[in-house]
Protein backbone atom coordinates (compact mmCIF):
# COMPACT_ATOMS: atom_id res chain seq x y z
CA MET A 1 7.09 -3.11 -12.65
CA ILE A 2 4.69 -3.46 -15.54
CA ARG A 3 4.06 -0.22 -17.40
CA ARG A 4 1.37 0.93 -19.79
CA PRO A 5 3.01 3.80 -21.70
CA GLY A 6 0.73 6.82 -21.69
CA TYR A 7 -1.21 5.75 -18.61
CA GLY A 8 0.30 8.55 -16.54
CA ALA A 9 -0.82 11.11 -19.13
CA HIS A 10 -4.34 9.65 -18.95
CA LEU A 11 -4.36 9.87 -15.15
CA GLU A 12 -3.02 13.41 -15.27
CA ALA A 13 -5.74 14.50 -17.73
CA THR A 14 -8.65 12.76 -16.00
CA VAL A 15 -8.34 12.12 -12.26
CA ASP A 16 -4.88 13.03 -10.94
CA PRO A 17 -3.51 16.30 -12.35
CA ASP A 18 -0.67 16.37 -9.78
CA ILE A 19 0.61 12.82 -10.33
CA ARG A 20 3.98 13.81 -11.82
CA THR A 21 4.61 16.55 -9.26
CA ARG A 22 3.83 14.23 -6.36
CA GLN A 23 6.01 11.45 -7.74
CA SER A 24 8.94 13.80 -8.40
CA GLU A 25 8.78 14.92 -4.76
CA VAL A 26 9.52 11.37 -3.62
CA ALA A 27 12.11 10.67 -6.35
CA ALA A 28 10.00 8.05 -8.15
CA PRO A 29 11.88 6.57 -11.10
CA PRO A 30 11.17 7.81 -14.64
CA GLY A 31 8.02 6.24 -16.07
CA PHE A 32 6.59 5.39 -12.67
CA GLU A 33 3.37 7.25 -13.51
CA ASP A 34 2.74 4.57 -16.15
CA ALA A 35 3.01 1.68 -13.66
CA ILE A 36 -0.03 -0.58 -13.54
CA ALA A 37 1.38 -3.63 -11.70
CA TRP A 38 4.41 -5.03 -9.94
CA VAL A 39 5.90 -8.49 -10.14
CA ALA A 40 7.58 -9.90 -7.05
CA LEU A 41 8.85 -13.26 -5.93
CA ALA A 42 6.43 -15.23 -3.81
CA ASP A 43 7.26 -15.94 -0.20
CA PRO A 44 8.60 -19.52 -0.07
CA ASP A 45 6.13 -20.33 2.73
CA GLU A 46 3.15 -18.95 0.81
CA ALA A 47 0.76 -21.42 -0.82
CA PRO A 48 0.22 -20.97 -4.57
CA LEU A 49 -3.03 -19.34 -5.66
């Protein structure tokens, strides 16, 4: 997970006031509201971009 610290606060103040409540209901890890991207291994059968 790639995080941008403070991004969750921005979302909460501008477009998603319930972000932290919703994420706590599904046991999202701490800092998840700041997530902007995920890094995952490519499928071995997938062609490179």
